[in-house]
Protein backbone atom coordinates (compact mmCIF):
# COMPACT_ATOMS: atom_id res chain seq x y z
CA MET A 1 4.04 5.56 -41.42
CA THR A 2 0.39 6.71 -40.03
CA PHE A 3 -3.16 4.94 -39.79
CA TYR A 4 -4.97 8.09 -40.27
CA ASP A 5 -4.41 12.08 -38.93
CA SER A 6 -1.29 11.51 -38.23
CA VAL A 7 -2.28 8.42 -35.71
CA PHE A 8 0.32 5.38 -35.55
CA PRO A 9 -0.96 2.45 -36.47
CA PHE A 10 1.02 0.95 -33.42
CA TYR A 11 2.06 1.79 -29.60
CA PRO A 12 4.75 4.99 -29.46
CA HIS A 13 7.49 3.94 -27.29
CA GLU A 14 8.10 7.27 -25.87
CA GLN A 15 4.34 7.04 -24.31
CA ARG A 16 4.15 4.41 -21.83
CA LYS A 17 3.33 4.62 -18.40
CA TRP A 18 5.00 2.84 -15.65
CA VAL A 19 3.72 0.86 -12.65
CA PHE A 20 5.94 2.16 -10.04
CA SER A 21 4.30 5.76 -9.56
CA VAL A 22 5.63 9.14 -8.69
CA ASP A 23 3.14 8.84 -5.38
CA ILE A 24 4.55 5.82 -4.23
CA ILE A 25 8.17 7.67 -4.35
CA ILE A 26 6.85 10.71 -2.49
CA VAL A 27 5.05 8.62 0.51
CA ILE A 28 8.29 6.64 0.81
CA ILE A 29 10.84 9.72 0.90
CA VAL A 30 8.21 11.39 3.61
CA PHE A 31 8.20 8.32 5.73
CA LEU A 32 12.19 7.94 5.37
CA VAL A 33 12.86 11.69 6.63
CA PHE A 34 10.81 10.76 9.62
CA ALA A 35 12.39 7.47 10.21
CA SER A 36 15.92 8.95 9.46
CA ALA A 37 15.13 12.01 11.69
CA PHE A 38 13.77 9.48 14.56
CA ILE A 39 17.27 7.57 14.05
CA LEU A 40 19.40 11.05 14.72
CA ILE A 41 17.58 11.31 17.83
CA ILE A 42 18.20 7.53 19.16
CA PRO A 43 22.08 8.47 20.73
CA GLY A 44 20.06 11.22 23.17
CA ILE A 45 18.32 8.67 24.84
CA ARG A 46 19.62 6.91 27.79
CA GLY A 47 19.79 3.08 28.80
CA LYS A 48 17.47 0.62 27.88
CA ALA A 49 14.86 2.79 26.70
CA ARG A 50 16.38 3.27 23.31
CA LEU A 51 15.83 -0.02 22.31
CA SER A 52 12.67 -0.08 23.37
CA TRP A 53 11.94 3.36 21.77
CA MET A 54 13.93 2.21 18.36
CA CYS A 55 11.29 -0.54 18.08
CA ARG A 56 8.53 0.99 18.64
CA VAL A 57 9.18 3.91 15.81
CA ILE A 58 9.98 1.10 13.07
CA ILE A 59 7.33 -0.57 14.17
CA SER A 60 4.80 2.49 13.93
CA LEU A 61 6.56 3.92 10.54
CA PHE A 62 6.24 0.69 8.96
CA ILE A 63 2.60 0.36 9.41
CA GLY A 64 1.94 3.92 8.68
CA ALA A 65 3.61 3.84 5.08
CA VAL A 66 1.80 0.37 4.63
CA THR A 67 -1.34 1.80 4.57
CA VAL A 68 -1.05 4.67 2.61
CA VAL A 69 1.45 3.24 0.07
CA VAL A 70 -0.88 0.18 -0.82
CA ASN A 71 -3.46 3.00 -1.87
CA PHE A 72 -0.99 3.99 -4.78
CA THR A 73 0.51 -0.09 -5.64
CA ALA A 74 -0.62 -1.85 -8.81
CA ASP A 75 -0.26 -5.45 -7.79
CA TRP A 76 -2.72 -6.03 -5.19
CA GLU A 77 -3.89 -8.73 -7.96
CA VAL A 78 -1.90 -10.37 -10.73
CA GLY A 79 -1.17 -12.65 -13.26
CA SER A 80 0.55 -13.48 -16.91
CA VAL A 81 0.09 -15.64 -19.52
CA ASN A 82 2.76 -16.61 -22.64
CA ALA A 83 1.00 -16.86 -25.78
CA VAL A 84 1.56 -16.87 -29.38
CA THR A 85 -1.04 -13.83 -31.01
CA THR A 86 -1.01 -11.12 -33.49
CA TYR A 87 0.55 -7.74 -32.62
CA LYS A 88 -0.82 -5.18 -34.83
CA SER A 89 -3.82 -4.20 -36.33
CA PHE A 90 -4.46 -5.27 -40.23
CA SER A 91 -1.54 -7.36 -40.13
CA ASN A 92 -1.12 -11.44 -39.69
CA ALA A 93 2.46 -11.05 -38.20
CA THR A 94 2.23 -12.75 -34.80
CA VAL A 95 4.69 -12.73 -32.05
CA ASN A 96 5.54 -14.74 -28.96
CA ALA A 97 4.87 -12.54 -26.07
CA ASP A 98 4.28 -12.23 -21.69
CA ILE A 99 0.79 -10.63 -21.33
CA GLY A 100 0.61 -9.16 -17.84
CA ILE A 101 -2.02 -7.71 -15.45
CA HIS A 102 -1.47 -5.93 -12.72
CA VAL A 103 -4.52 -4.72 -10.55
CA GLY A 104 -4.37 -1.95 -8.11
CA LEU A 105 -7.02 0.01 -6.40
CA ASN A 106 -7.12 3.31 -8.85
CA GLY A 107 -6.96 1.46 -11.87
CA VAL A 108 -5.04 -1.55 -13.76
CA ASN A 109 -1.83 -1.85 -15.63
CA ILE A 110 -1.33 -4.30 -18.77
CA THR A 111 2.03 -5.20 -19.51
CA LEU A 112 2.94 -7.13 -23.15
CA THR A 113 6.90 -8.30 -23.46
CA GLY A 114 8.12 -9.50 -25.89
CA ASN A 115 9.97 -13.30 -25.74
CA PRO A 116 12.64 -12.45 -26.75
CA ILE A 117 12.10 -8.89 -26.48
CA HIS A 118 13.16 -7.69 -30.12
CA GLN A 119 10.78 -9.10 -32.35
CA ILE A 120 9.21 -8.34 -36.27
CA ASN A 121 12.22 -5.45 -36.10
CA GLU A 122 10.17 -3.80 -33.11
CA THR A 123 11.37 -3.63 -29.29
CA ILE A 124 8.21 -5.34 -27.59
CA ASP A 125 8.39 -4.02 -23.70
CA TYR A 126 4.82 -1.76 -23.12
CA ASN A 127 3.29 -0.89 -20.14
CA GLU A 128 -0.08 0.87 -20.13
CA GLN A 129 -2.27 1.96 -17.60
CA PHE A 130 -5.87 2.28 -17.41
CA LEU A 131 -7.74 4.05 -14.36
CA TRP A 132 -11.05 3.56 -12.67
CA SER A 133 -10.83 5.82 -9.64
CA PHE A 134 -13.02 9.14 -9.08
CA GLY A 135 -12.77 11.46 -11.40
CA SER A 136 -11.55 9.37 -14.15
CA SER A 137 -13.20 7.34 -17.08
CA PHE A 138 -12.15 3.74 -17.93
CA ASN A 139 -13.69 4.32 -21.34
CA GLU A 140 -11.74 7.58 -22.31
CA TYR A 141 -8.31 5.42 -21.68
CA PHE A 142 -9.63 2.98 -23.90
CA ASN A 143 -11.01 5.21 -26.51
CA ASP A 144 -7.37 7.00 -26.40
CA GLY A 145 -5.55 3.84 -26.79
CA LEU A 146 -7.59 2.98 -29.65
CA LYS A 147 -6.77 6.40 -31.65
CA ARG A 148 -2.72 5.57 -30.37
CA GLY A 149 -2.90 2.12 -31.69
CA LEU A 150 -2.13 0.00 -28.97
CA PRO A 151 -0.71 -3.65 -29.75
CA ASN A 152 -4.05 -5.90 -30.05
CA PRO A 153 -3.20 -8.09 -26.84
CA ILE A 154 -3.14 -4.76 -25.17
CA LEU A 155 -6.43 -3.59 -26.47
CA TYR A 156 -8.36 -7.36 -25.91
CA VAL A 157 -7.51 -7.23 -22.15
CA SER A 158 -8.53 -3.84 -21.28
CA GLU A 159 -11.87 -4.44 -23.46
CA LYS A 160 -12.36 -6.61 -20.86
CA PHE A 161 -12.93 -3.77 -18.28
CA THR A 162 -14.77 -1.43 -20.20
CA GLU A 163 -18.54 -0.36 -19.06
CA PHE A 164 -20.19 -2.17 -22.37
CA ASP A 165 -18.34 -5.59 -21.94
CA PRO A 166 -20.55 -8.07 -20.63
CA CYS A 167 -18.66 -9.40 -17.95
CA GLY A 168 -19.46 -6.50 -15.80
CA ILE A 169 -16.03 -6.77 -14.62
CA LEU A 170 -15.47 -2.98 -14.21
CA SER A 171 -18.17 -2.25 -12.16
CA GLN A 172 -17.11 -5.10 -9.83
CA TYR A 173 -13.44 -4.05 -9.60
CA ARG A 174 -14.52 -0.04 -9.09
CA ILE A 175 -16.77 -0.94 -5.95
CA SER A 176 -14.37 -3.13 -4.23
CA SER A 177 -11.45 -1.02 -5.27
CA HIS A 178 -12.97 2.15 -3.93
CA TYR A 179 -14.13 0.22 -0.77
CA ALA A 180 -10.70 -1.34 0.04
CA SER A 181 -9.37 2.02 -0.50
CA ALA A 182 -11.47 3.81 2.26
CA CYS A 183 -10.90 1.08 4.79
CA MET A 184 -7.31 1.78 4.03
CA TRP A 185 -7.49 5.47 4.82
CA VAL A 186 -9.48 4.91 7.94
CA ALA A 187 -6.76 2.68 9.19
CA PHE A 188 -4.14 5.42 8.58
CA CYS A 189 -6.18 7.72 10.73
CA SER A 190 -6.55 5.60 13.43
CA TRP A 191 -2.90 4.67 13.09
CA ILE A 192 -2.38 8.90 13.43
CA ILE A 193 -4.65 8.50 17.00
CA CYS A 194 -3.42 5.30 18.54
CA ASN A 195 0.03 7.23 18.52
CA ILE A 196 -1.26 10.10 19.93
CA LEU A 197 -2.68 7.61 22.73
CA PHE A 198 0.83 6.37 22.97
CA SER A 199 2.42 9.86 23.45
CA MET A 200 -0.02 10.67 26.10
CA SER A 201 0.67 7.19 28.13
CA VAL A 202 -3.13 5.95 27.49
CA PHE A 203 -1.77 2.77 27.02
CA ILE A 204 -4.77 0.87 27.16
CA TYR A 205 -7.01 2.98 24.54
CA GLY A 206 -3.88 2.94 22.32
CA ALA A 207 -4.08 -0.92 22.30
CA TYR A 208 -8.12 -0.22 21.24
CA MET A 209 -7.13 1.88 18.23
CA ILE A 210 -4.54 -0.18 16.86
CA LEU A 211 -7.25 -3.03 17.06
CA VAL A 212 -9.17 -0.61 15.19
CA THR A 213 -6.24 0.00 12.75
CA ALA A 214 -6.14 -4.00 12.16
CA ALA A 215 -9.89 -4.63 11.66
CA PHE A 216 -9.81 -1.43 8.87
CA ILE A 217 -7.09 -3.02 7.40
CA LEU A 218 -8.33 -6.56 7.40
CA PHE A 219 -11.57 -4.82 6.27
CA SER A 220 -10.36 -3.57 3.22
CA LEU A 221 -8.51 -7.26 1.98
CA ILE A 222 -12.32 -8.51 2.53
CA SER A 223 -13.42 -6.05 -0.02
CA PHE A 224 -10.95 -6.05 -2.20
CA SER A 225 -10.99 -9.98 -2.12
CA THR A 226 -15.00 -10.13 -3.01
CA VAL A 227 -13.88 -10.08 -6.54
CA ARG A 228 -12.70 -13.60 -6.72
CA ASN A 229 -16.02 -14.78 -5.87
CA VAL A 230 -17.65 -13.71 -8.92
CA SER A 231 -17.45 -15.63 -12.02
CA PHE A 232 -15.58 -13.62 -14.80
CA CYS A 233 -15.39 -13.97 -18.51
CA ASN A 234 -11.99 -15.91 -19.27
CA ILE A 235 -9.14 -13.86 -20.95
CA GLN A 236 -8.31 -16.37 -23.51
CA PHE A 237 -5.08 -16.18 -25.99
CA GLY A 238 -5.45 -19.44 -27.93
CA SER A 239 -5.57 -22.31 -25.49
CA GLU A 240 -4.08 -20.37 -22.58
CA SER A 241 -6.02 -18.04 -20.37
CA LEU A 242 -4.94 -15.02 -17.83
CA LYS A 243 -5.33 -16.26 -14.52
CA THR A 244 -4.41 -13.53 -11.85
CA THR A 245 -3.30 -14.85 -7.81
CA PHE A 246 -3.34 -11.73 -5.26
CA GLY A 247 -0.26 -9.96 -5.30
CA GLY A 248 2.41 -8.38 -3.18
CA SER A 249 0.54 -5.46 -1.74
CA PHE A 250 -2.39 -7.71 -0.51
CA TRP A 251 0.15 -9.76 1.33
CA VAL A 252 2.24 -7.34 3.08
CA SER A 253 -1.30 -5.68 4.05
CA LEU A 254 -2.58 -9.07 5.28
CA ALA A 255 0.98 -9.22 7.12
CA THR A 256 0.34 -5.95 8.74
CA GLY A 257 -3.15 -6.15 9.68
CA LEU A 258 -2.03 -9.24 11.97
CA LEU A 259 0.58 -7.38 13.11
CA CYS A 260 -1.36 -4.74 14.60
CA PHE A 261 -4.19 -7.25 15.51
CA LEU A 262 -1.08 -8.98 17.62
CA ILE A 263 0.21 -5.89 19.30
CA GLY A 264 -3.21 -4.61 20.23
CA ILE A 265 -4.11 -7.84 22.35
CA THR A 266 -0.53 -8.34 23.97
CA LEU A 267 -0.97 -4.94 25.01
CA ILE A 268 -4.05 -5.04 26.12
CA VAL A 269 -3.28 -8.68 28.21
CA LEU A 270 -0.24 -6.60 29.43
CA ASN A 271 -1.98 -3.73 30.86
CA TRP A 272 -4.68 -6.04 32.41
CA CYS A 273 -2.00 -8.65 33.85
CA VAL A 274 1.38 -6.81 34.50
CA PRO A 275 0.75 -2.93 33.85
CA GLU A 276 4.54 -2.23 35.42
CA LYS A 277 5.91 -4.34 32.73
CA LEU A 278 3.78 -2.05 29.93
CA LYS A 279 4.75 0.88 31.60
CA LEU A 280 8.79 -0.09 31.66
CA PHE A 281 8.42 -0.73 27.89
CA PHE A 282 6.89 2.90 27.41
CA ASN A 283 9.75 3.93 29.72
CA ALA A 284 6.80 5.80 32.06
CA ILE A 285 8.15 4.21 35.21
CA GLU A 286 11.51 5.71 34.73
CA GLU A 287 9.70 9.18 33.45
CA ASP A 288 8.15 8.72 37.22
CA GLU A 289 11.21 7.58 38.97
CA GLU A 290 12.67 10.54 37.64
CA GLU A 291 10.15 13.02 38.94
CA SER A 292 9.83 11.27 42.04
CA THR A 293 13.72 11.69 42.63
CA THR A 294 13.36 15.46 41.43
CA ARG A 295 10.26 16.05 43.84
CA LEU A 296 12.32 14.58 46.83
CA GLY A 297 15.72 16.48 46.02
CA ASP A 298 13.32 19.57 46.00
CA SER A 299 11.74 18.75 49.23
CA GLU A 300 15.35 17.85 50.96
CA HIS A 301 16.50 21.35 49.41
CA CYS A 302 13.55 23.67 51.07
CA HIS A 303 14.42 21.61 54.56
CA ASN A 304 17.30 22.24 54.33
CA ASN A 305 16.79 25.96 53.55
CA LEU A 306 14.41 26.43 56.33
CA ALA A 307 16.78 24.74 59.24
CA PHE A 308 19.15 27.09 58.00
CA GLU A 309 17.38 29.88 58.47
CA HIS A 310 15.95 28.89 61.70
CA VAL A 311 19.94 29.12 62.77
């Protein structure tokens, strides 16, 4: 059955989009490869340095992975509502379904899951993605959904984000998400600089850079959260309205930012109060002792050689 010009009057199942994107999988695999490589090196590290080295590597890789992954996730803000609503255009048939919304920095995912999943001789389980990132037009995604005949609840929610909607939700989310994403990428760059400084044993400047990382992560969260201070039009399904709350990516980013802030402050305090303890944690004292022992051994060897030649 077709509506016109071979266009289906309902959403074809084979064209669904998924929240867990390929970009996230790639980033996770890359950081897991780095983690595995460092874990293989651990047996070659001697003494107590093994524990401190492993701790530094795991925490550092976690911070770097979070600052990259959250740019591609779709759960910065989430919400759902259960409602009885019409399912198809030109039909009075209603379904009981859960309508969900998952907002990320690049767009929004709208889900529709039947309760139960099999109703009116169909499987009601959909996930559609609409992007507002650079190079993408949200209206084009919406118009494409109209042509393909998306289910009514998905079209109704996605219409709230279009440019011609009087609520103006799209512009508010697009601007705040762009700034939040930019701050996250700056945080990732400062994280790289921080690791370079630590590897060069410049601890105080490394501590300052990890504070910069924390600051930009928190700036990203502030930028994204500003949209909640603006009054939106209600997304209403009968007597029920779709309400949203901050999702997993937001809270993980907040925890990571606070962790970076705590690490930075701790390193600065240790550097001013007990710099020897800080060097011990980064194994700098052991390296200095090894170098001193080596130099002492070389000097003794040279002295013995001179004494032998004199004899």
